[in-house]
Amino acid sequence: MATDTDNIARLRGYLNHKARIAITDGRVFIGTFVCTDKQKNIILAHTTEYRGDEHRIVGLVMIPGKHLVKMEIEDLESVIM
């Protein structure tokens, strides 16, 4: 079983990679994963928000952990949450 230290190291390896995040209201955000915290809040940079067929550039965005449904790291093609 992985320890907290192993999990933190693994998560650090995903920093500065392109991430795709789905949230509870159906929106999807694609941007560069730059930060997280103990509450699973995620910060993405250079982000585009997708809602159905529409999209808009939002730049730097914080996604509350309580709304996080799924997070994928596109460069590594793996689901991490």
N, C-alpha and C. Protein backbone atom coordinates (compact mmCIF):
# COMPACT_ATOMS: atom_id res chain seq x y z
N MET A 1 0.85 -1.18 0.00
CA MET A 1 0.00 0.00 0.00
C MET A 1 0.89 1.24 0.00
N ALA A 2 0.49 2.23 -0.81
CA ALA A 2 1.28 3.46 -0.92
C ALA A 2 1.12 4.32 0.33
N THR A 3 2.20 4.93 0.73
CA THR A 3 2.17 5.84 1.88
C THR A 3 1.80 7.25 1.40
N ASP A 4 1.49 8.13 2.37
CA ASP A 4 1.20 9.52 2.02
C ASP A 4 2.37 10.14 1.27
N THR A 5 3.57 9.84 1.69
CA THR A 5 4.76 10.38 1.03
C THR A 5 4.84 9.92 -0.42
N ASP A 6 4.54 8.65 -0.67
CA ASP A 6 4.53 8.13 -2.04
C ASP A 6 3.46 8.82 -2.88
N ASN A 7 2.28 9.00 -2.30
CA ASN A 7 1.18 9.65 -3.02
C ASN A 7 1.50 11.10 -3.35
N ILE A 8 2.11 11.80 -2.40
CA ILE A 8 2.50 13.20 -2.64
C ILE A 8 3.54 13.28 -3.75
N ALA A 9 4.50 12.39 -3.72
CA ALA A 9 5.52 12.36 -4.77
C ALA A 9 4.89 12.09 -6.14
N ARG A 10 3.94 11.17 -6.17
CA ARG A 10 3.26 10.85 -7.43
C ARG A 10 2.48 12.07 -7.93
N LEU A 11 1.77 12.74 -7.03
CA LEU A 11 1.01 13.92 -7.41
C LEU A 11 1.92 15.04 -7.90
N ARG A 12 3.06 15.22 -7.26
CA ARG A 12 4.03 16.23 -7.71
C ARG A 12 4.50 15.96 -9.13
N GLY A 13 4.57 14.69 -9.50
CA GLY A 13 4.97 14.33 -10.85
C GLY A 13 3.99 14.80 -11.92
N TYR A 14 2.75 15.07 -11.53
CA TYR A 14 1.74 15.55 -12.46
C TYR A 14 1.74 17.07 -12.62
N LEU A 15 2.44 17.78 -11.75
CA LEU A 15 2.49 19.24 -11.84
C LEU A 15 3.02 19.68 -13.19
N ASN A 16 2.45 20.75 -13.71
CA ASN A 16 2.81 21.34 -15.00
C ASN A 16 2.47 20.46 -16.19
N HIS A 17 1.59 19.48 -15.99
CA HIS A 17 1.08 18.68 -17.10
C HIS A 17 -0.34 19.14 -17.42
N LYS A 18 -0.77 18.91 -18.63
CA LYS A 18 -2.12 19.27 -19.05
C LYS A 18 -3.13 18.36 -18.36
N ALA A 19 -4.15 18.97 -17.75
CA ALA A 19 -5.17 18.22 -17.01
C ALA A 19 -6.55 18.52 -17.57
N ARG A 20 -7.40 17.51 -17.47
CA ARG A 20 -8.82 17.64 -17.85
C ARG A 20 -9.64 17.33 -16.61
N ILE A 21 -10.46 18.29 -16.18
CA ILE A 21 -11.23 18.13 -14.95
C ILE A 21 -12.72 18.28 -15.25
N ALA A 22 -13.50 17.29 -14.80
CA ALA A 22 -14.96 17.35 -14.89
C ALA A 22 -15.49 17.70 -13.51
N ILE A 23 -16.52 18.57 -13.47
CA ILE A 23 -17.11 18.94 -12.19
C ILE A 23 -18.60 18.59 -12.17
N THR A 24 -19.21 18.74 -10.99
CA THR A 24 -20.56 18.25 -10.75
C THR A 24 -21.64 18.85 -11.65
N ASP A 25 -21.47 20.07 -12.13
CA ASP A 25 -22.50 20.69 -12.98
C ASP A 25 -22.33 20.36 -14.46
N GLY A 26 -21.39 19.48 -14.79
CA GLY A 26 -21.21 19.04 -16.16
C GLY A 26 -20.14 19.78 -16.94
N ARG A 27 -19.62 20.86 -16.38
CA ARG A 27 -18.55 21.58 -17.09
C ARG A 27 -17.25 20.79 -17.04
N VAL A 28 -16.40 21.07 -18.04
CA VAL A 28 -15.08 20.45 -18.12
C VAL A 28 -14.07 21.58 -18.29
N PHE A 29 -12.95 21.47 -17.57
CA PHE A 29 -11.87 22.45 -17.65
C PHE A 29 -10.62 21.74 -18.12
N ILE A 30 -9.93 22.33 -19.10
CA ILE A 30 -8.66 21.79 -19.56
C ILE A 30 -7.63 22.89 -19.41
N GLY A 31 -6.56 22.58 -18.67
CA GLY A 31 -5.51 23.55 -18.43
C GLY A 31 -4.30 22.88 -17.81
N THR A 32 -3.34 23.68 -17.42
CA THR A 32 -2.10 23.18 -16.82
C THR A 32 -2.28 23.06 -15.31
N PHE A 33 -2.07 21.86 -14.77
CA PHE A 33 -2.20 21.59 -13.34
C PHE A 33 -1.03 22.24 -12.61
N VAL A 34 -1.33 23.24 -11.74
CA VAL A 34 -0.26 23.96 -11.06
C VAL A 34 -0.28 23.83 -9.54
N CYS A 35 -1.42 23.43 -8.95
CA CYS A 35 -1.46 23.41 -7.49
C CYS A 35 -2.67 22.63 -6.99
N THR A 36 -2.54 22.07 -5.79
CA THR A 36 -3.66 21.46 -5.08
C THR A 36 -3.43 21.65 -3.58
N ASP A 37 -4.44 21.30 -2.78
CA ASP A 37 -4.30 21.39 -1.33
C ASP A 37 -4.99 20.19 -0.68
N LYS A 38 -5.03 20.18 0.65
CA LYS A 38 -5.59 19.03 1.38
C LYS A 38 -7.09 18.86 1.15
N GLN A 39 -7.78 19.92 0.74
CA GLN A 39 -9.22 19.85 0.49
C GLN A 39 -9.52 19.43 -0.96
N LYS A 40 -8.49 19.07 -1.70
CA LYS A 40 -8.58 18.66 -3.11
C LYS A 40 -8.96 19.80 -4.04
N ASN A 41 -8.82 21.05 -3.60
CA ASN A 41 -9.01 22.18 -4.50
C ASN A 41 -7.89 22.12 -5.53
N ILE A 42 -8.23 22.40 -6.77
CA ILE A 42 -7.27 22.30 -7.87
C ILE A 42 -7.13 23.67 -8.52
N ILE A 43 -5.91 24.06 -8.83
CA ILE A 43 -5.67 25.29 -9.58
C ILE A 43 -5.08 24.90 -10.93
N LEU A 44 -5.72 25.43 -11.98
CA LEU A 44 -5.25 25.23 -13.35
C LEU A 44 -4.88 26.58 -13.95
N ALA A 45 -3.84 26.61 -14.76
CA ALA A 45 -3.44 27.81 -15.49
C ALA A 45 -3.70 27.59 -16.98
N HIS A 46 -3.83 28.69 -17.73
CA HIS A 46 -4.04 28.61 -19.19
C HIS A 46 -5.23 27.71 -19.50
N THR A 47 -6.35 27.97 -18.84
CA THR A 47 -7.49 27.06 -18.83
C THR A 47 -8.59 27.47 -19.80
N THR A 48 -9.20 26.46 -20.40
CA THR A 48 -10.40 26.64 -21.22
C THR A 48 -11.54 25.88 -20.55
N GLU A 49 -12.69 26.54 -20.43
CA GLU A 49 -13.88 25.93 -19.84
C GLU A 49 -14.81 25.47 -20.96
N TYR A 50 -15.31 24.25 -20.86
CA TYR A 50 -16.23 23.70 -21.85
C TYR A 50 -17.57 23.41 -21.18
N ARG A 51 -18.64 23.87 -21.83
CA ARG A 51 -20.01 23.60 -21.36
C ARG A 51 -20.80 23.22 -22.60
N GLY A 52 -21.05 21.93 -22.76
CA GLY A 52 -21.72 21.46 -23.97
C GLY A 52 -20.86 21.75 -25.18
N ASP A 53 -21.45 22.40 -26.18
CA ASP A 53 -20.71 22.74 -27.41
C ASP A 53 -19.98 24.07 -27.32
N GLU A 54 -20.18 24.81 -26.23
CA GLU A 54 -19.57 26.12 -26.07
C GLU A 54 -18.29 26.03 -25.24
N HIS A 55 -17.37 26.96 -25.49
CA HIS A 55 -16.16 27.03 -24.67
C HIS A 55 -15.73 28.49 -24.54
N ARG A 56 -14.94 28.74 -23.49
CA ARG A 56 -14.38 30.07 -23.28
C ARG A 56 -13.06 29.92 -22.55
N ILE A 57 -12.16 30.86 -22.81
CA ILE A 57 -10.87 30.88 -22.14
C ILE A 57 -11.05 31.59 -20.80
N VAL A 58 -10.64 30.93 -19.72
CA VAL A 58 -10.80 31.51 -18.38
C VAL A 58 -9.46 31.79 -17.70
N GLY A 59 -8.36 31.34 -18.29
CA GLY A 59 -7.04 31.62 -17.71
C GLY A 59 -6.76 30.81 -16.46
N LEU A 60 -6.50 31.51 -15.34
CA LEU A 60 -6.21 30.86 -14.06
C LEU A 60 -7.53 30.60 -13.33
N VAL A 61 -7.74 29.36 -12.89
CA VAL A 61 -9.01 29.01 -12.26
C VAL A 61 -8.77 28.07 -11.08
N MET A 62 -9.59 28.25 -10.02
CA MET A 62 -9.55 27.35 -8.88
C MET A 62 -10.84 26.54 -8.89
N ILE A 63 -10.70 25.23 -8.86
CA ILE A 63 -11.85 24.33 -8.85
C ILE A 63 -11.97 23.74 -7.45
N PRO A 64 -13.08 24.03 -6.77
CA PRO A 64 -13.26 23.49 -5.41
C PRO A 64 -13.30 21.96 -5.42
N GLY A 65 -12.60 21.36 -4.50
CA GLY A 65 -12.54 19.90 -4.41
C GLY A 65 -13.90 19.26 -4.26
N LYS A 66 -14.84 19.95 -3.60
CA LYS A 66 -16.17 19.37 -3.38
C LYS A 66 -16.95 19.22 -4.69
N HIS A 67 -16.52 19.91 -5.76
CA HIS A 67 -17.20 19.81 -7.06
C HIS A 67 -16.45 18.90 -8.04
N LEU A 68 -15.32 18.39 -7.64
CA LEU A 68 -14.49 17.56 -8.51
C LEU A 68 -15.14 16.19 -8.72
N VAL A 69 -15.34 15.82 -9.98
CA VAL A 69 -15.88 14.51 -10.33
C VAL A 69 -14.77 13.60 -10.83
N LYS A 70 -13.95 14.13 -11.76
CA LYS A 70 -12.87 13.33 -12.33
C LYS A 70 -11.75 14.24 -12.79
N MET A 71 -10.52 13.78 -12.60
CA MET A 71 -9.35 14.51 -13.07
C MET A 71 -8.48 13.56 -13.86
N GLU A 72 -8.14 13.97 -15.09
CA GLU A 72 -7.27 13.17 -15.94
C GLU A 72 -6.06 14.01 -16.31
N ILE A 73 -4.91 13.38 -16.34
CA ILE A 73 -3.71 14.04 -16.83
C ILE A 73 -3.53 13.59 -18.27
N GLU A 74 -3.75 14.51 -19.21
CA GLU A 74 -3.78 14.13 -20.62
C GLU A 74 -2.44 13.65 -21.15
N ASP A 75 -1.35 14.26 -20.71
CA ASP A 75 -0.04 13.85 -21.21
C ASP A 75 0.31 12.43 -20.80
N LEU A 76 -0.22 11.99 -19.68
CA LEU A 76 0.09 10.66 -19.16
C LEU A 76 -1.03 9.66 -19.43
N GLU A 77 -2.16 10.15 -19.94
CA GLU A 77 -3.32 9.31 -20.26
C GLU A 77 -3.74 8.40 -19.11
N SER A 78 -3.84 8.99 -17.92
CA SER A 78 -4.28 8.20 -16.77
C SER A 78 -5.23 9.02 -15.91
N VAL A 79 -6.19 8.35 -15.33
CA VAL A 79 -7.11 9.00 -14.41
C VAL A 79 -6.50 8.92 -13.03
N ILE A 80 -6.43 10.08 -12.31
CA ILE A 80 -5.80 10.04 -10.99
C ILE A 80 -6.78 10.27 -9.86
N MET A 81 -7.99 10.73 -10.13
CA MET A 81 -8.98 10.94 -9.06
C MET A 81 -10.33 10.50 -9.57
